[in-house]
Amino acid sequence: MEPDNDIALDILITNVVCVFKTRCHLNLRKIALEGTNVIYKRDVGKVLMKLRKPRITATIWSSGKIICTGATSEEDAKTGARRLARVLQKLGFQVKFAGYKVVNVLAVCTMPFEIRLPEFTKKNRPIASYEPELHPAVSYRVKALKATLQIFSTGSITITGMHTNVLSNNYSK
């Protein structure tokens, strides 16, 4: 039986990570005392702040650097970052939204069949590597797209890339 080459895959984006700068110093203690949904991690010098809509978690440093995680699209990531900057402005900081960029995108998909990892790795060397003693998945690196796929024997695939346009390509062939 010949495999079907026209497999439709649902690739689900599960996390978009972005960074931006406020171009001002942030008083973490003030954010912790006056902000909402905040966890102050004084020992490591950062504040975690959660937003409900869009659902993101921001890691805030006093230098003004902020990393936002948890968004499920690039649009949600940017909206969440802008909302966070607005919250900081309302707390009295002279925030200027600058240097925004998406640094990582994580997505998952499931193949409708199992994958024989040793055979897959042999056929796809050197871009595929498999160390079953260390990790249960094949690591498959696509340098041209700056993406890494973690391929599991169950057919589950985790895709990590630099931008969402990486994830819009067809991986079914």
C-alpha atoms as a PDB file:
ATOM      1  CA  MET A   1       0.000   0.000   0.000  1.00  0.00           C
ATOM      2  CA  GLU A   2       1.374   3.378  -1.043  1.00  0.00           C
ATOM      3  CA  PRO A   3       1.267   6.275   1.480  1.00  0.00           C
ATOM      4  CA  ASP A   4      -1.061   9.187   0.766  1.00  0.00           C
ATOM      5  CA  ASN A   5       1.036  12.270  -0.095  1.00  0.00           C
ATOM      6  CA  ASP A   6      -1.878  14.696   0.302  1.00  0.00           C
ATOM      7  CA  ILE A   7      -2.271  14.564   4.077  1.00  0.00           C
ATOM      8  CA  ALA A   8      -3.956  17.647   5.497  1.00  0.00           C
ATOM      9  CA  LEU A   9      -2.363  18.675   8.796  1.00  0.00           C
ATOM     10  CA  ASP A  10      -3.718  20.973  11.451  1.00  0.00           C
ATOM     11  CA  ILE A  11      -0.796  22.949  12.828  1.00  0.00           C
ATOM     12  CA  LEU A  12      -1.833  24.591  16.093  1.00  0.00           C
ATOM     13  CA  ILE A  13       0.227  27.531  17.381  1.00  0.00           C
ATOM     14  CA  THR A  14       0.524  27.108  21.145  1.00  0.00           C
ATOM     15  CA  ASN A  15       2.976  29.847  22.174  1.00  0.00           C
ATOM     16  CA  VAL A  16       4.340  33.055  20.660  1.00  0.00           C
ATOM     17  CA  VAL A  17       7.211  34.696  22.534  1.00  0.00           C
ATOM     18  CA  CYS A  18       7.978  38.374  21.937  1.00  0.00           C
ATOM     19  CA  VAL A  19      10.243  40.995  23.470  1.00  0.00           C
ATOM     20  CA  PHE A  20      10.140  44.770  23.684  1.00  0.00           C
ATOM     21  CA  LYS A  21      11.776  47.613  25.570  1.00  0.00           C
ATOM     22  CA  THR A  22      10.139  50.435  27.518  1.00  0.00           C
ATOM     23  CA  ARG A  23      13.117  52.809  27.137  1.00  0.00           C
ATOM     24  CA  CYS A  24      12.831  53.745  30.811  1.00  0.00           C
ATOM     25  CA  HIS A  25      13.851  52.320  34.191  1.00  0.00           C
ATOM     26  CA  LEU A  26      11.087  50.371  35.945  1.00  0.00           C
ATOM     27  CA  ASN A  27      10.716  50.272  39.721  1.00  0.00           C
ATOM     28  CA  LEU A  28       9.845  46.616  40.304  1.00  0.00           C
ATOM     29  CA  ARG A  29       8.743  47.201  43.880  1.00  0.00           C
ATOM     30  CA  LYS A  30       6.238  49.843  42.747  1.00  0.00           C
ATOM     31  CA  ILE A  31       4.891  47.483  40.053  1.00  0.00           C
ATOM     32  CA  ALA A  32       4.571  44.697  42.645  1.00  0.00           C
ATOM     33  CA  LEU A  33       2.739  46.935  45.143  1.00  0.00           C
ATOM     34  CA  GLU A  34       0.447  48.831  42.764  1.00  0.00           C
ATOM     35  CA  GLY A  35      -0.009  46.400  39.859  1.00  0.00           C
ATOM     36  CA  THR A  36      -2.516  43.556  39.609  1.00  0.00           C
ATOM     37  CA  ASN A  37      -1.865  39.875  38.845  1.00  0.00           C
ATOM     38  CA  VAL A  38       1.803  40.345  39.775  1.00  0.00           C
ATOM     39  CA  ILE A  39       4.423  38.050  41.287  1.00  0.00           C
ATOM     40  CA  TYR A  40       7.558  39.824  42.532  1.00  0.00           C
ATOM     41  CA  LYS A  41      10.687  37.674  42.300  1.00  0.00           C
ATOM     42  CA  ARG A  42      13.052  39.970  44.191  1.00  0.00           C
ATOM     43  CA  ASP A  43      15.804  37.348  44.507  1.00  0.00           C
ATOM     44  CA  VAL A  44      16.201  37.211  40.695  1.00  0.00           C
ATOM     45  CA  GLY A  45      15.281  40.864  40.042  1.00  0.00           C
ATOM     46  CA  LYS A  46      12.131  40.504  37.986  1.00  0.00           C
ATOM     47  CA  VAL A  47       8.352  40.784  38.123  1.00  0.00           C
ATOM     48  CA  LEU A  48       5.882  38.424  36.456  1.00  0.00           C
ATOM     49  CA  MET A  49       2.624  40.027  35.362  1.00  0.00           C
ATOM     50  CA  LYS A  50      -0.312  38.196  33.817  1.00  0.00           C
ATOM     51  CA  LEU A  51      -2.912  39.642  31.508  1.00  0.00           C
ATOM     52  CA  ARG A  52      -6.245  37.920  30.952  1.00  0.00           C
ATOM     53  CA  LYS A  53      -7.069  39.243  27.496  1.00  0.00           C
ATOM     54  CA  PRO A  54      -5.065  38.281  25.561  1.00  0.00           C
ATOM     55  CA  ARG A  55      -3.791  35.602  27.926  1.00  0.00           C
ATOM     56  CA  ILE A  56      -0.069  36.333  28.294  1.00  0.00           C
ATOM     57  CA  THR A  57       2.554  36.303  31.007  1.00  0.00           C
ATOM     58  CA  ALA A  58       5.142  39.073  30.972  1.00  0.00           C
ATOM     59  CA  THR A  59       8.553  38.917  32.598  1.00  0.00           C
ATOM     60  CA  ILE A  60       9.584  42.479  33.501  1.00  0.00           C
ATOM     61  CA  TRP A  61      13.099  43.629  34.420  1.00  0.00           C
ATOM     62  CA  SER A  62      14.024  46.973  35.963  1.00  0.00           C
ATOM     63  CA  SER A  63      16.110  47.775  32.852  1.00  0.00           C
ATOM     64  CA  GLY A  64      12.855  48.062  30.907  1.00  0.00           C
ATOM     65  CA  LYS A  65      13.246  44.818  28.979  1.00  0.00           C
ATOM     66  CA  ILE A  66      10.044  42.757  28.827  1.00  0.00           C
ATOM     67  CA  ILE A  67       9.425  39.243  27.495  1.00  0.00           C
ATOM     68  CA  CYS A  68       5.834  38.165  26.817  1.00  0.00           C
ATOM     69  CA  THR A  69       4.892  34.490  26.522  1.00  0.00           C
ATOM     70  CA  GLY A  70       1.709  32.509  26.114  1.00  0.00           C
ATOM     71  CA  ALA A  71       0.025  34.219  23.162  1.00  0.00           C
ATOM     72  CA  THR A  72      -1.457  31.937  20.512  1.00  0.00           C
ATOM     73  CA  SER A  73      -0.924  34.275  17.545  1.00  0.00           C
ATOM     74  CA  GLU A  74       1.403  37.059  16.486  1.00  0.00           C
ATOM     75  CA  GLU A  75      -1.505  39.525  16.695  1.00  0.00           C
ATOM     76  CA  ASP A  76      -2.303  38.488  20.284  1.00  0.00           C
ATOM     77  CA  ALA A  77       1.385  38.789  21.219  1.00  0.00           C
ATOM     78  CA  LYS A  78       1.589  42.357  19.915  1.00  0.00           C
ATOM     79  CA  THR A  79      -1.764  43.327  21.445  1.00  0.00           C
ATOM     80  CA  GLY A  80      -0.692  41.865  24.799  1.00  0.00           C
ATOM     81  CA  ALA A  81       2.669  43.644  24.698  1.00  0.00           C
ATOM     82  CA  ARG A  82       0.986  46.973  23.925  1.00  0.00           C
ATOM     83  CA  ARG A  83      -1.588  46.448  26.701  1.00  0.00           C
ATOM     84  CA  LEU A  84       1.226  45.697  29.119  1.00  0.00           C
ATOM     85  CA  ALA A  85       3.037  48.901  28.127  1.00  0.00           C
ATOM     86  CA  ARG A  86      -0.234  50.767  28.734  1.00  0.00           C
ATOM     87  CA  VAL A  87      -0.595  49.220  32.209  1.00  0.00           C
ATOM     88  CA  LEU A  88       2.943  50.378  33.057  1.00  0.00           C
ATOM     89  CA  GLN A  89       2.134  53.890  31.773  1.00  0.00           C
ATOM     90  CA  LYS A  90      -0.917  53.992  34.045  1.00  0.00           C
ATOM     91  CA  LEU A  91       1.351  53.078  36.971  1.00  0.00           C
ATOM     92  CA  GLY A  92       3.287  56.295  36.263  1.00  0.00           C
ATOM     93  CA  PHE A  93       6.234  55.149  34.144  1.00  0.00           C
ATOM     94  CA  GLN A  94       7.337  57.062  31.020  1.00  0.00           C
ATOM     95  CA  VAL A  95       7.057  53.988  28.799  1.00  0.00           C
ATOM     96  CA  LYS A  96       7.867  54.182  25.087  1.00  0.00           C
ATOM     97  CA  PHE A  97       6.972  50.966  23.232  1.00  0.00           C
ATOM     98  CA  ALA A  98      10.189  50.169  21.319  1.00  0.00           C
ATOM     99  CA  GLY A  99      12.167  47.294  19.853  1.00  0.00           C
ATOM    100  CA  TYR A 100       9.215  44.917  19.571  1.00  0.00           C
ATOM    101  CA  LYS A 101       9.936  41.596  17.888  1.00  0.00           C
ATOM    102  CA  VAL A 102       8.700  38.021  17.885  1.00  0.00           C
ATOM    103  CA  VAL A 103      11.590  35.787  18.931  1.00  0.00           C
ATOM    104  CA  ASN A 104      10.023  32.335  19.028  1.00  0.00           C
ATOM    105  CA  VAL A 105       6.937  30.463  17.891  1.00  0.00           C
ATOM    106  CA  LEU A 106       5.926  27.024  19.138  1.00  0.00           C
ATOM    107  CA  ALA A 107       3.344  24.878  17.353  1.00  0.00           C
ATOM    108  CA  VAL A 108       2.178  21.279  17.449  1.00  0.00           C
ATOM    109  CA  CYS A 109       0.613  18.879  14.996  1.00  0.00           C
ATOM    110  CA  THR A 110      -0.177  15.186  14.954  1.00  0.00           C
ATOM    111  CA  MET A 111       0.399  12.860  12.027  1.00  0.00           C
ATOM    112  CA  PRO A 112      -2.339  10.268  11.444  1.00  0.00           C
ATOM    113  CA  PHE A 113       0.238   7.473  11.792  1.00  0.00           C
ATOM    114  CA  GLU A 114       3.165   6.376  13.947  1.00  0.00           C
ATOM    115  CA  ILE A 115       6.766   7.101  12.942  1.00  0.00           C
ATOM    116  CA  ARG A 116       9.650   4.630  13.160  1.00  0.00           C
ATOM    117  CA  LEU A 117      12.280   6.950  14.592  1.00  0.00           C
ATOM    118  CA  PRO A 118      15.478   4.915  13.940  1.00  0.00           C
ATOM    119  CA  GLU A 119      14.610   4.467  10.240  1.00  0.00           C
ATOM    120  CA  PHE A 120      13.503   8.093   9.905  1.00  0.00           C
ATOM    121  CA  THR A 121      16.795   9.286  11.410  1.00  0.00           C
ATOM    122  CA  LYS A 122      18.913   7.088   9.107  1.00  0.00           C
ATOM    123  CA  LYS A 123      17.135   8.416   6.020  1.00  0.00           C
ATOM    124  CA  ASN A 124      17.431  12.053   7.122  1.00  0.00           C
ATOM    125  CA  ARG A 125      20.976  12.384   8.440  1.00  0.00           C
ATOM    126  CA  PRO A 126      22.630  14.811   9.210  1.00  0.00           C
ATOM    127  CA  ILE A 127      19.636  17.115   9.760  1.00  0.00           C
ATOM    128  CA  ALA A 128      17.891  14.539  11.949  1.00  0.00           C
ATOM    129  CA  SER A 129      19.404  13.294  15.200  1.00  0.00           C
ATOM    130  CA  TYR A 130      18.003  10.741  17.624  1.00  0.00           C
ATOM    131  CA  GLU A 131      19.379   9.890  21.053  1.00  0.00           C
ATOM    132  CA  PRO A 132      16.703   7.706  22.709  1.00  0.00           C
ATOM    133  CA  GLU A 133      18.688   7.558  25.975  1.00  0.00           C
ATOM    134  CA  LEU A 134      18.494  11.364  26.259  1.00  0.00           C
ATOM    135  CA  HIS A 135      15.167  12.328  24.651  1.00  0.00           C
ATOM    136  CA  PRO A 136      12.248  10.344  23.200  1.00  0.00           C
ATOM    137  CA  ALA A 137      12.048  12.434  19.999  1.00  0.00           C
ATOM    138  CA  VAL A 138      14.048  12.949  16.831  1.00  0.00           C
ATOM    139  CA  SER A 139      15.395  16.480  16.548  1.00  0.00           C
ATOM    140  CA  TYR A 140      15.012  17.618  12.932  1.00  0.00           C
ATOM    141  CA  ARG A 141      16.579  20.991  12.079  1.00  0.00           C
ATOM    142  CA  VAL A 142      15.509  23.006   9.044  1.00  0.00           C
ATOM    143  CA  LYS A 143      18.260  25.640   8.722  1.00  0.00           C
ATOM    144  CA  ALA A 144      16.674  27.509   5.810  1.00  0.00           C
ATOM    145  CA  LEU A 145      13.570  28.181   7.938  1.00  0.00           C
ATOM    146  CA  LYS A 146      15.400  28.480  11.275  1.00  0.00           C
ATOM    147  CA  ALA A 147      13.046  25.868  12.675  1.00  0.00           C
ATOM    148  CA  THR A 148      13.413  22.706  14.751  1.00  0.00           C
ATOM    149  CA  LEU A 149      10.936  19.848  14.762  1.00  0.00           C
ATOM    150  CA  GLN A 150      10.725  17.367  17.622  1.00  0.00           C
ATOM    151  CA  ILE A 151       9.255  14.234  16.061  1.00  0.00           C
ATOM    152  CA  PHE A 152       7.830  11.557  18.384  1.00  0.00           C
ATOM    153  CA  SER A 153       7.116   7.919  17.521  1.00  0.00           C
ATOM    154  CA  THR A 154       3.388   8.517  18.183  1.00  0.00           C
ATOM    155  CA  GLY A 155       3.264  10.888  15.204  1.00  0.00           C
ATOM    156  CA  SER A 156       3.168  13.993  17.387  1.00  0.00           C
ATOM    157  CA  ILE A 157       5.409  16.820  16.155  1.00  0.00           C
ATOM    158  CA  THR A 158       6.441  19.978  18.015  1.00  0.00           C
ATOM    159  CA  ILE A 159       7.674  22.804  15.787  1.00  0.00           C
ATOM    160  CA  THR A 160       9.799  25.649  17.146  1.00  0.00           C
ATOM    161  CA  GLY A 161      10.676  28.508  14.824  1.00  0.00           C
ATOM    162  CA  MET A 162      11.575  32.164  14.639  1.00  0.00           C
ATOM    163  CA  HIS A 163       8.397  33.491  12.999  1.00  0.00           C
ATOM    164  CA  THR A 164       4.877  32.268  12.286  1.00  0.00           C
ATOM    165  CA  ASN A 165       5.571  32.288   8.530  1.00  0.00           C
ATOM    166  CA  VAL A 166       7.807  29.276   9.249  1.00  0.00           C
ATOM    167  CA  LEU A 167       4.741  27.400  10.457  1.00  0.00           C
ATOM    168  CA  SER A 168       2.589  28.199   7.444  1.00  0.00           C
ATOM    169  CA  ASN A 169       4.692  26.019   5.115  1.00  0.00           C
ATOM    170  CA  ASN A 170       3.449  22.568   4.209  1.00  0.00           C
ATOM    171  CA  TYR A 171       5.197  19.825   6.223  1.00  0.00           C
ATOM    172  CA  SER A 172       3.022  17.009   4.896  1.00  0.00           C
ATOM    173  CA  LYS A 173       5.516  15.783   2.259  1.00  0.00           C
END
